[in-house]
Amino acid sequence: MKNLLTLCAIAFFAVASTAQDAAPLQEKGTWYLGAADATQVFKLFSDEGMVVDPFIGYAVADNIGVTLALSQNSDTAPDPSPDAADGAEITLSAFEVRLGGAYFFGDNYYGQAQIISGSTDDGLGTDTSVNDYSGFGVGVGKWIDVKDWWYVTPQLNYTTYSQDPFSGSAVELRIQFGAKF
């Protein structure tokens, strides 16, 4: 009986000591700054160029963050119009704003959702040159602390959008990097 009582006491203390609240994965009040998708870094010296997608995030509660991201890119290309002068060029451009939220769980995994709004311009100067679009995206990722305040986050995202008269969707793999403080 004495051994049974001792065993129960040890089991009780073992369970009680492991039932403590775990530290939050991302603490309230943490700021996040990001600069780009690491998969784009390899395009830095190519003719295609690199897209930079700056974003800022803030942990509004333990393990819950909100983000704001901007994306702007442009490309100069030969003018495809049949009446264009020799050597004439056009500039295609796009601008996008994404507002999102993320929930961290498990071993620093997270799920995220975002609302997307943007505009594209094909540079031709016609009535249909500028097109506005909106959409949403969902994704999952893994937060990996690299060193001190640096981190990388591999992500798998699904995005869908609607743009008159077109609509579409995409699945993408991104590896974002940035700093937290």
N, C-alpha and C. Protein backbone atom coordinates (compact mmCIF):
# COMPACT_ATOMS: atom_id res chain seq x y z
N MET A 1 0.82 -1.19 0.00
CA MET A 1 0.00 0.00 0.00
C MET A 1 0.86 1.26 0.00
N LYS A 2 1.94 1.20 0.79
CA LYS A 2 2.86 2.32 0.86
C LYS A 2 3.49 2.57 -0.51
N ASN A 3 3.87 1.49 -1.22
CA ASN A 3 4.45 1.63 -2.56
C ASN A 3 3.44 2.21 -3.55
N LEU A 4 2.19 1.80 -3.46
CA LEU A 4 1.14 2.30 -4.34
C LEU A 4 0.91 3.79 -4.10
N LEU A 5 0.89 4.20 -2.83
CA LEU A 5 0.70 5.60 -2.49
C LEU A 5 1.88 6.44 -3.00
N THR A 6 3.10 5.93 -2.85
CA THR A 6 4.29 6.63 -3.34
C THR A 6 4.25 6.74 -4.86
N LEU A 7 3.87 5.67 -5.54
CA LEU A 7 3.77 5.68 -7.00
C LEU A 7 2.74 6.69 -7.48
N CYS A 8 1.58 6.74 -6.81
CA CYS A 8 0.53 7.70 -7.18
C CYS A 8 1.00 9.13 -6.96
N ALA A 9 1.71 9.38 -5.86
CA ALA A 9 2.22 10.72 -5.57
C ALA A 9 3.23 11.15 -6.63
N ILE A 10 4.13 10.25 -7.02
CA ILE A 10 5.12 10.57 -8.05
C ILE A 10 4.42 10.84 -9.39
N ALA A 11 3.44 10.01 -9.73
CA ALA A 11 2.71 10.20 -10.98
C ALA A 11 1.96 11.53 -10.98
N PHE A 12 1.35 11.90 -9.84
CA PHE A 12 0.62 13.16 -9.73
C PHE A 12 1.56 14.34 -9.94
N PHE A 13 2.72 14.33 -9.27
CA PHE A 13 3.67 15.44 -9.42
C PHE A 13 4.26 15.50 -10.83
N ALA A 14 4.45 14.35 -11.44
CA ALA A 14 4.98 14.33 -12.81
C ALA A 14 3.98 14.94 -13.78
N VAL A 15 2.70 14.59 -13.63
CA VAL A 15 1.66 15.14 -14.50
C VAL A 15 1.49 16.63 -14.23
N ALA A 16 1.48 17.03 -12.97
CA ALA A 16 1.30 18.43 -12.62
C ALA A 16 2.45 19.29 -13.14
N SER A 17 3.66 18.78 -13.11
CA SER A 17 4.80 19.57 -13.57
C SER A 17 4.83 19.70 -15.10
N THR A 18 4.28 18.75 -15.83
CA THR A 18 4.26 18.84 -17.29
C THR A 18 3.01 19.53 -17.82
N ALA A 19 2.06 19.82 -16.96
CA ALA A 19 0.81 20.45 -17.39
C ALA A 19 0.90 21.97 -17.39
N GLN A 20 2.09 22.52 -17.21
CA GLN A 20 2.27 23.97 -17.22
C GLN A 20 2.00 24.50 -18.63
N ASP A 21 1.56 25.75 -18.70
CA ASP A 21 1.34 26.37 -20.00
C ASP A 21 2.66 26.48 -20.75
N ALA A 22 2.63 26.10 -22.00
CA ALA A 22 3.83 26.20 -22.83
C ALA A 22 4.04 27.67 -23.20
N ALA A 23 5.28 28.06 -23.37
CA ALA A 23 5.58 29.42 -23.80
C ALA A 23 5.01 29.64 -25.20
N PRO A 24 4.51 30.84 -25.47
CA PRO A 24 3.96 31.09 -26.80
C PRO A 24 5.04 30.98 -27.87
N LEU A 25 4.65 30.51 -29.03
CA LEU A 25 5.58 30.39 -30.15
C LEU A 25 5.99 31.76 -30.66
N GLN A 26 5.03 32.66 -30.75
CA GLN A 26 5.28 34.04 -31.15
C GLN A 26 4.61 34.92 -30.10
N GLU A 27 5.39 35.67 -29.34
CA GLU A 27 4.86 36.45 -28.23
C GLU A 27 4.16 37.71 -28.71
N LYS A 28 3.12 38.09 -27.96
CA LYS A 28 2.40 39.32 -28.23
C LYS A 28 3.38 40.49 -28.21
N GLY A 29 3.22 41.41 -29.15
CA GLY A 29 4.08 42.59 -29.21
C GLY A 29 5.30 42.43 -30.10
N THR A 30 5.49 41.28 -30.72
CA THR A 30 6.63 41.06 -31.60
C THR A 30 6.36 41.67 -32.97
N TRP A 31 7.34 42.38 -33.52
CA TRP A 31 7.25 42.95 -34.86
C TRP A 31 8.05 42.10 -35.83
N TYR A 32 7.58 42.03 -37.07
CA TYR A 32 8.24 41.26 -38.12
C TYR A 32 8.44 42.16 -39.34
N LEU A 33 9.62 42.12 -39.90
CA LEU A 33 9.90 42.83 -41.15
C LEU A 33 10.47 41.84 -42.15
N GLY A 34 9.98 41.89 -43.35
CA GLY A 34 10.48 40.99 -44.38
C GLY A 34 10.76 41.76 -45.65
N ALA A 35 11.60 41.19 -46.49
CA ALA A 35 12.03 41.91 -47.68
C ALA A 35 11.69 41.21 -48.98
N ALA A 36 11.75 39.90 -49.01
CA ALA A 36 11.61 39.25 -50.32
C ALA A 36 11.35 37.76 -50.16
N ASP A 37 11.05 37.17 -51.27
CA ASP A 37 10.94 35.72 -51.38
C ASP A 37 12.32 35.21 -51.77
N ALA A 38 12.89 34.34 -50.95
CA ALA A 38 14.25 33.86 -51.19
C ALA A 38 14.39 33.15 -52.54
N THR A 39 13.30 32.61 -53.07
CA THR A 39 13.39 31.96 -54.38
C THR A 39 13.63 32.98 -55.49
N GLN A 40 13.37 34.26 -55.21
CA GLN A 40 13.60 35.32 -56.19
C GLN A 40 15.05 35.81 -56.20
N VAL A 41 15.80 35.54 -55.12
CA VAL A 41 17.17 36.03 -55.01
C VAL A 41 18.03 35.56 -56.17
N PHE A 42 17.77 34.36 -56.66
CA PHE A 42 18.57 33.82 -57.77
C PHE A 42 18.34 34.58 -59.07
N LYS A 43 17.29 35.38 -59.14
CA LYS A 43 17.00 36.17 -60.34
C LYS A 43 17.64 37.56 -60.29
N LEU A 44 18.39 37.83 -59.24
CA LEU A 44 18.94 39.16 -59.03
C LEU A 44 19.73 39.67 -60.23
N PHE A 45 20.53 38.82 -60.84
CA PHE A 45 21.38 39.26 -61.95
C PHE A 45 20.86 38.78 -63.31
N SER A 46 19.63 38.31 -63.36
CA SER A 46 19.07 37.85 -64.64
C SER A 46 18.41 39.01 -65.37
N ASP A 47 18.10 38.79 -66.63
CA ASP A 47 17.38 39.80 -67.40
C ASP A 47 15.97 39.99 -66.88
N GLU A 48 15.44 38.95 -66.26
CA GLU A 48 14.07 38.98 -65.75
C GLU A 48 13.93 39.89 -64.53
N GLY A 49 14.98 40.03 -63.72
CA GLY A 49 14.93 40.87 -62.54
C GLY A 49 14.31 40.17 -61.35
N MET A 50 14.48 40.77 -60.19
CA MET A 50 14.02 40.19 -58.93
C MET A 50 12.83 40.98 -58.40
N VAL A 51 11.82 40.29 -57.90
CA VAL A 51 10.67 40.93 -57.30
C VAL A 51 10.92 41.07 -55.80
N VAL A 52 10.74 42.26 -55.27
CA VAL A 52 10.88 42.50 -53.84
C VAL A 52 9.49 42.72 -53.28
N ASP A 53 9.12 41.94 -52.26
CA ASP A 53 7.80 42.02 -51.64
C ASP A 53 7.95 42.38 -50.16
N PRO A 54 8.11 43.67 -49.83
CA PRO A 54 8.27 44.01 -48.42
C PRO A 54 6.97 43.77 -47.64
N PHE A 55 7.12 43.35 -46.40
CA PHE A 55 5.96 43.17 -45.54
C PHE A 55 6.31 43.51 -44.11
N ILE A 56 5.28 43.84 -43.34
CA ILE A 56 5.43 44.11 -41.93
C ILE A 56 4.36 43.32 -41.21
N GLY A 57 4.70 42.82 -40.04
CA GLY A 57 3.75 42.05 -39.26
C GLY A 57 3.84 42.40 -37.79
N TYR A 58 2.79 42.10 -37.06
CA TYR A 58 2.75 42.38 -35.63
C TYR A 58 1.94 41.29 -34.94
N ALA A 59 2.46 40.77 -33.83
CA ALA A 59 1.75 39.76 -33.05
C ALA A 59 0.77 40.48 -32.12
N VAL A 60 -0.52 40.44 -32.45
CA VAL A 60 -1.54 41.14 -31.66
C VAL A 60 -1.88 40.38 -30.39
N ALA A 61 -1.61 39.09 -30.36
CA ALA A 61 -1.80 38.23 -29.19
C ALA A 61 -0.78 37.11 -29.31
N ASP A 62 -0.59 36.36 -28.24
CA ASP A 62 0.33 35.23 -28.32
C ASP A 62 -0.11 34.30 -29.44
N ASN A 63 0.79 33.99 -30.35
CA ASN A 63 0.58 33.06 -31.46
C ASN A 63 -0.38 33.55 -32.54
N ILE A 64 -0.76 34.82 -32.52
CA ILE A 64 -1.65 35.38 -33.54
C ILE A 64 -1.01 36.66 -34.09
N GLY A 65 -0.79 36.69 -35.40
CA GLY A 65 -0.17 37.85 -36.02
C GLY A 65 -0.98 38.39 -37.17
N VAL A 66 -0.81 39.68 -37.46
CA VAL A 66 -1.41 40.31 -38.63
C VAL A 66 -0.28 40.84 -39.50
N THR A 67 -0.49 40.85 -40.82
CA THR A 67 0.55 41.30 -41.74
C THR A 67 -0.01 42.25 -42.78
N LEU A 68 0.85 43.11 -43.27
CA LEU A 68 0.55 43.99 -44.39
C LEU A 68 1.72 43.87 -45.36
N ALA A 69 1.42 43.52 -46.60
CA ALA A 69 2.47 43.32 -47.60
C ALA A 69 2.17 44.15 -48.84
N LEU A 70 3.21 44.64 -49.47
CA LEU A 70 3.11 45.41 -50.70
C LEU A 70 3.95 44.73 -51.77
N SER A 71 3.52 44.84 -53.00
CA SER A 71 4.29 44.28 -54.10
C SER A 71 4.15 45.22 -55.29
N GLN A 72 5.26 45.61 -55.86
CA GLN A 72 5.23 46.45 -57.05
C GLN A 72 6.31 45.94 -57.98
N ASN A 73 5.97 45.76 -59.22
CA ASN A 73 7.00 45.39 -60.19
C ASN A 73 6.66 45.99 -61.55
N SER A 74 7.68 46.17 -62.34
CA SER A 74 7.49 46.69 -63.69
C SER A 74 8.51 46.05 -64.61
N ASP A 75 8.17 46.05 -65.88
CA ASP A 75 9.04 45.44 -66.88
C ASP A 75 8.91 46.24 -68.17
N THR A 76 10.03 46.54 -68.78
CA THR A 76 10.03 47.26 -70.05
C THR A 76 10.24 46.25 -71.17
N ALA A 77 9.39 46.36 -72.19
CA ALA A 77 9.44 45.40 -73.30
C ALA A 77 9.21 46.15 -74.61
N PRO A 78 9.58 45.54 -75.73
CA PRO A 78 9.29 46.15 -77.04
C PRO A 78 7.78 46.31 -77.22
N ASP A 79 7.38 47.42 -77.82
CA ASP A 79 5.96 47.69 -78.06
C ASP A 79 5.43 46.74 -79.13
N PRO A 80 4.40 45.93 -78.80
CA PRO A 80 3.88 44.96 -79.77
C PRO A 80 2.90 45.55 -80.78
N SER A 81 2.55 46.82 -80.65
CA SER A 81 1.57 47.43 -81.56
C SER A 81 2.11 47.44 -82.98
N PRO A 82 1.25 47.13 -83.96
CA PRO A 82 1.70 47.11 -85.36
C PRO A 82 2.13 48.49 -85.86
N ASP A 83 1.59 49.56 -85.28
CA ASP A 83 1.95 50.90 -85.74
C ASP A 83 3.02 51.56 -84.86
N ALA A 84 3.68 50.79 -84.00
CA ALA A 84 4.72 51.33 -83.12
C ALA A 84 5.99 51.62 -83.92
N ALA A 85 6.66 52.69 -83.55
CA ALA A 85 7.93 53.06 -84.20
C ALA A 85 9.01 52.04 -83.83
N ASP A 86 10.01 51.94 -84.69
CA ASP A 86 11.13 51.03 -84.40
C ASP A 86 11.77 51.39 -83.07
N GLY A 87 12.01 50.40 -82.26
CA GLY A 87 12.65 50.61 -80.96
C GLY A 87 11.72 51.14 -79.88
N ALA A 88 10.43 51.31 -80.19
CA ALA A 88 9.49 51.79 -79.17
C ALA A 88 9.31 50.73 -78.09
N GLU A 89 9.16 51.21 -76.87
CA GLU A 89 9.00 50.29 -75.74
C GLU A 89 7.77 50.66 -74.93
N ILE A 90 7.26 49.70 -74.20
CA ILE A 90 6.17 49.92 -73.27
C ILE A 90 6.63 49.44 -71.89
N THR A 91 6.00 49.96 -70.86
CA THR A 91 6.32 49.52 -69.51
C THR A 91 5.08 48.88 -68.90
N LEU A 92 5.20 47.61 -68.59
CA LEU A 92 4.13 46.87 -67.93
C LEU A 92 4.36 47.01 -66.43
N SER A 93 3.30 47.19 -65.66
CA SER A 93 3.48 47.34 -64.22
C SER A 93 2.33 46.70 -63.46
N ALA A 94 2.60 46.42 -62.20
CA ALA A 94 1.59 45.85 -61.32
C ALA A 94 1.86 46.32 -59.90
N PHE A 95 0.80 46.50 -59.15
CA PHE A 95 0.90 46.88 -57.74
C PHE A 95 -0.11 46.06 -56.96
N GLU A 96 0.28 45.58 -55.78
CA GLU A 96 -0.60 44.72 -55.00
C GLU A 96 -0.44 45.01 -53.51
N VAL A 97 -1.56 44.96 -52.78
CA VAL A 97 -1.58 45.09 -51.32
C VAL A 97 -2.23 43.84 -50.76
N ARG A 98 -1.61 43.26 -49.72
CA ARG A 98 -2.16 42.07 -49.08
C ARG A 98 -2.25 42.31 -47.57
N LEU A 99 -3.44 42.07 -47.03
CA LEU A 99 -3.67 42.17 -45.59
C LEU A 99 -4.00 40.78 -45.09
N GLY A 100 -3.26 40.31 -44.09
CA GLY A 100 -3.46 38.92 -43.67
C GLY A 100 -3.33 38.70 -42.18
N GLY A 101 -3.58 37.47 -41.80
CA GLY A 101 -3.43 37.04 -40.42
C GLY A 101 -2.86 35.64 -40.38
N ALA A 102 -2.19 35.32 -39.27
CA ALA A 102 -1.57 34.00 -39.12
C ALA A 102 -1.77 33.49 -37.70
N TYR A 103 -1.91 32.18 -37.58
CA TYR A 103 -2.01 31.52 -36.28
C TYR A 103 -0.90 30.49 -36.18
N PHE A 104 -0.09 30.57 -35.13
CA PHE A 104 1.04 29.66 -34.93
C PHE A 104 0.63 28.52 -34.02
N PHE A 105 1.08 27.31 -34.36
CA PHE A 105 0.72 26.12 -33.57
C PHE A 105 1.83 25.09 -33.68
N GLY A 106 1.76 24.07 -32.83
CA GLY A 106 2.70 22.96 -32.91
C GLY A 106 4.14 23.39 -32.76
N ASP A 107 4.99 22.89 -33.61
CA ASP A 107 6.42 23.18 -33.58
C ASP A 107 6.74 24.36 -34.49
N ASN A 108 6.12 25.52 -34.21
CA ASN A 108 6.27 26.75 -34.98
C ASN A 108 5.75 26.65 -36.41
N TYR A 109 4.73 25.84 -36.62
CA TYR A 109 4.01 25.84 -37.89
C TYR A 109 2.96 26.94 -37.81
N TYR A 110 2.45 27.38 -38.94
CA TYR A 110 1.39 28.38 -38.92
C TYR A 110 0.47 28.22 -40.12
N GLY A 111 -0.75 28.66 -39.92
CA GLY A 111 -1.72 28.76 -40.99
C GLY A 111 -1.99 30.24 -41.21
N GLN A 112 -2.22 30.63 -42.44
CA GLN A 112 -2.44 32.05 -42.73
C GLN A 112 -3.54 32.23 -43.75
N ALA A 113 -4.14 33.41 -43.70
CA ALA A 113 -5.15 33.81 -44.68
C ALA A 113 -4.91 35.27 -45.01
N GLN A 114 -5.22 35.66 -46.24
CA GLN A 114 -5.01 37.04 -46.63
C GLN A 114 -6.03 37.50 -47.66
N ILE A 115 -6.28 38.80 -47.65
CA ILE A 115 -7.13 39.45 -48.63
C ILE A 115 -6.20 40.23 -49.56
N ILE A 116 -6.44 40.15 -50.86
CA ILE A 116 -5.53 40.72 -51.85
C ILE A 116 -6.28 41.74 -52.72
N SER A 117 -5.65 42.87 -52.99
CA SER A 117 -6.19 43.86 -53.90
C SER A 117 -5.04 44.42 -54.72
N GLY A 118 -5.26 44.57 -56.03
CA GLY A 118 -4.17 45.06 -56.86
C GLY A 118 -4.62 45.64 -58.17
N SER A 119 -3.65 46.06 -58.96
CA SER A 119 -3.92 46.67 -60.25
C SER A 119 -2.77 46.34 -61.20
N THR A 120 -3.10 46.10 -62.46
CA THR A 120 -2.09 45.86 -63.48
C THR A 120 -2.28 46.85 -64.63
N ASP A 121 -1.21 47.18 -65.30
CA ASP A 121 -1.25 48.07 -66.46
C ASP A 121 -0.37 47.46 -67.55
N ASP A 122 -0.96 47.19 -68.72
CA ASP A 122 -0.19 46.57 -69.79
C ASP A 122 0.64 47.58 -70.58
N GLY A 123 0.54 48.87 -70.25
CA GLY A 123 1.38 49.88 -70.87
C GLY A 123 0.97 50.33 -72.25
N LEU A 124 -0.12 49.80 -72.79
CA LEU A 124 -0.53 50.15 -74.15
C LEU A 124 -1.35 51.43 -74.21
N GLY A 125 -1.85 51.92 -73.08
CA GLY A 125 -2.58 53.17 -73.06
C GLY A 125 -3.98 53.09 -73.63
N THR A 126 -4.59 51.91 -73.68
CA THR A 126 -5.96 51.77 -74.18
C THR A 126 -6.94 51.78 -73.02
N ASP A 127 -8.23 51.73 -73.36
CA ASP A 127 -9.27 51.71 -72.32
C ASP A 127 -9.17 50.49 -71.43
N THR A 128 -8.64 49.41 -71.94
CA THR A 128 -8.54 48.17 -71.17
C THR A 128 -7.13 47.92 -70.63
N SER A 129 -6.28 48.93 -70.67
CA SER A 129 -4.89 48.76 -70.22
C SER A 129 -4.79 48.49 -68.73
N VAL A 130 -5.59 49.20 -67.94
CA VAL A 130 -5.51 49.08 -66.49
C VAL A 130 -6.62 48.17 -66.00
N ASN A 131 -6.25 47.16 -65.25
CA ASN A 131 -7.23 46.21 -64.70
C ASN A 131 -7.02 46.08 -63.20
N ASP A 132 -8.09 46.27 -62.46
CA ASP A 132 -8.05 46.07 -61.01
C ASP A 132 -8.49 44.65 -60.70
N TYR A 133 -7.97 44.09 -59.63
CA TYR A 133 -8.36 42.74 -59.24
C TYR A 133 -8.39 42.63 -57.72
N SER A 134 -9.08 41.61 -57.25
CA SER A 134 -9.13 41.32 -55.82
C SER A 134 -9.18 39.81 -55.65
N GLY A 135 -8.85 39.36 -54.46
CA GLY A 135 -8.85 37.93 -54.22
C GLY A 135 -8.52 37.60 -52.79
N PHE A 136 -8.23 36.33 -52.55
CA PHE A 136 -7.84 35.89 -51.22
C PHE A 136 -6.85 34.75 -51.36
N GLY A 137 -6.15 34.50 -50.28
CA GLY A 137 -5.18 33.42 -50.27
C GLY A 137 -5.17 32.72 -48.92
N VAL A 138 -4.81 31.47 -48.92
CA VAL A 138 -4.62 30.70 -47.69
C VAL A 138 -3.31 29.92 -47.83
N GLY A 139 -2.71 29.60 -46.71
CA GLY A 139 -1.45 28.87 -46.79
C GLY A 139 -1.02 28.31 -45.45
N VAL A 140 0.00 27.49 -45.51
CA VAL A 140 0.63 26.93 -44.31
C VAL A 140 2.14 27.13 -44.46
N GLY A 141 2.80 27.20 -43.32
CA GLY A 141 4.24 27.40 -43.36
C GLY A 141 4.90 26.94 -42.08
N LYS A 142 6.20 27.08 -42.05
CA LYS A 142 7.02 26.70 -40.90
C LYS A 142 7.95 27.86 -40.59
N TRP A 143 7.91 28.34 -39.36
CA TRP A 143 8.78 29.42 -38.91
C TRP A 143 10.09 28.81 -38.45
N ILE A 144 11.22 29.27 -38.99
CA ILE A 144 12.52 28.75 -38.60
C ILE A 144 13.41 29.91 -38.18
N ASP A 145 13.77 29.95 -36.89
CA ASP A 145 14.72 30.96 -36.42
C ASP A 145 16.10 30.58 -36.93
N VAL A 146 16.78 31.53 -37.57
CA VAL A 146 18.09 31.25 -38.14
C VAL A 146 19.19 31.66 -37.17
N LYS A 147 19.22 32.93 -36.81
CA LYS A 147 20.23 33.42 -35.88
C LYS A 147 19.73 34.73 -35.30
N ASP A 148 19.88 34.87 -34.01
CA ASP A 148 19.44 36.06 -33.30
C ASP A 148 18.01 36.43 -33.71
N TRP A 149 17.84 37.50 -34.45
CA TRP A 149 16.49 37.92 -34.84
C TRP A 149 16.13 37.55 -36.28
N TRP A 150 16.99 36.87 -37.01
CA TRP A 150 16.73 36.49 -38.40
C TRP A 150 15.91 35.21 -38.48
N TYR A 151 15.04 35.13 -39.48
CA TYR A 151 14.21 33.94 -39.67
C TYR A 151 13.95 33.68 -41.15
N VAL A 152 13.57 32.46 -41.46
CA VAL A 152 13.06 32.09 -42.79
C VAL A 152 11.76 31.33 -42.58
N THR A 153 10.86 31.44 -43.55
CA THR A 153 9.58 30.74 -43.46
C THR A 153 9.22 30.12 -44.80
N PRO A 154 9.50 28.84 -44.98
CA PRO A 154 9.00 28.16 -46.18
C PRO A 154 7.47 28.07 -46.10
N GLN A 155 6.79 28.35 -47.20
CA GLN A 155 5.33 28.39 -47.21
C GLN A 155 4.79 27.70 -48.46
N LEU A 156 3.60 27.16 -48.31
CA LEU A 156 2.83 26.65 -49.44
C LEU A 156 1.52 27.41 -49.44
N ASN A 157 1.24 28.16 -50.50
CA ASN A 157 0.07 29.04 -50.55
C ASN A 157 -0.83 28.72 -51.74
N TYR A 158 -2.11 28.96 -51.54
CA TYR A 158 -3.10 28.88 -52.62
C TYR A 158 -3.75 30.26 -52.71
N THR A 159 -3.77 30.83 -53.90
CA THR A 159 -4.33 32.16 -54.11
C THR A 159 -5.34 32.10 -55.24
N THR A 160 -6.44 32.81 -55.07
CA THR A 160 -7.42 32.93 -56.14
C THR A 160 -7.79 34.40 -56.27
N TYR A 161 -8.09 34.84 -57.49
CA TYR A 161 -8.42 36.24 -57.71
C TYR A 161 -9.45 36.36 -58.82
N SER A 162 -10.08 37.53 -58.84
CA SER A 162 -11.06 37.84 -59.87
C SER A 162 -10.68 39.17 -60.49
N GLN A 163 -10.61 39.19 -61.81
CA GLN A 163 -10.25 40.40 -62.55
C GLN A 163 -11.11 40.41 -63.80
N ASP A 164 -11.99 41.39 -63.93
CA ASP A 164 -12.86 41.43 -65.10
C ASP A 164 -12.04 41.50 -66.36
N PRO A 165 -12.25 40.74 -67.35
CA PRO A 165 -13.20 39.64 -67.45
C PRO A 165 -12.58 38.29 -67.10
N PHE A 166 -11.46 38.29 -66.40
CA PHE A 166 -10.75 37.05 -66.10
C PHE A 166 -10.79 36.71 -64.62
N SER A 167 -10.53 35.47 -64.30
CA SER A 167 -10.30 35.06 -62.92
C SER A 167 -9.29 33.92 -62.97
N GLY A 168 -8.68 33.63 -61.85
CA GLY A 168 -7.68 32.58 -61.85
C GLY A 168 -7.28 32.18 -60.45
N SER A 169 -6.41 31.21 -60.37
CA SER A 169 -5.89 30.76 -59.09
C SER A 169 -4.48 30.22 -59.30
N ALA A 170 -3.76 30.11 -58.19
CA ALA A 170 -2.38 29.63 -58.28
C ALA A 170 -1.96 28.97 -56.97
N VAL A 171 -1.06 28.02 -57.08
CA VAL A 171 -0.42 27.42 -55.92
C VAL A 171 1.05 27.80 -56.02
N GLU A 172 1.62 28.26 -54.91
CA GLU A 172 3.01 28.69 -54.96
C GLU A 172 3.78 28.22 -53.74
N LEU A 173 5.06 28.03 -53.93
CA LEU A 173 5.99 27.74 -52.85
C LEU A 173 6.86 28.97 -52.68
N ARG A 174 6.88 29.51 -51.48
CA ARG A 174 7.69 30.70 -51.19
C ARG A 174 8.60 30.40 -50.02
N ILE A 175 9.72 31.07 -49.99
CA ILE A 175 10.62 31.00 -48.85
C ILE A 175 10.93 32.44 -48.47
N GLN A 176 10.17 32.99 -47.53
CA GLN A 176 10.37 34.37 -47.15
C GLN A 176 11.41 34.45 -46.04
N PHE A 177 12.09 35.58 -46.00
CA PHE A 177 13.06 35.79 -44.94
C PHE A 177 12.91 37.20 -44.40
N GLY A 178 13.35 37.39 -43.17
CA GLY A 178 13.22 38.70 -42.56
C GLY A 178 13.80 38.72 -41.16
N ALA A 179 13.37 39.72 -40.40
CA ALA A 179 13.86 39.91 -39.04
C ALA A 179 12.68 40.13 -38.11
N LYS A 180 12.85 39.74 -36.85
CA LYS A 180 11.81 40.00 -35.84
C LYS A 180 12.45 40.71 -34.67
N PHE A 181 11.69 41.56 -34.04
CA PHE A 181 12.19 42.27 -32.87
C PHE A 181 11.04 42.69 -31.98
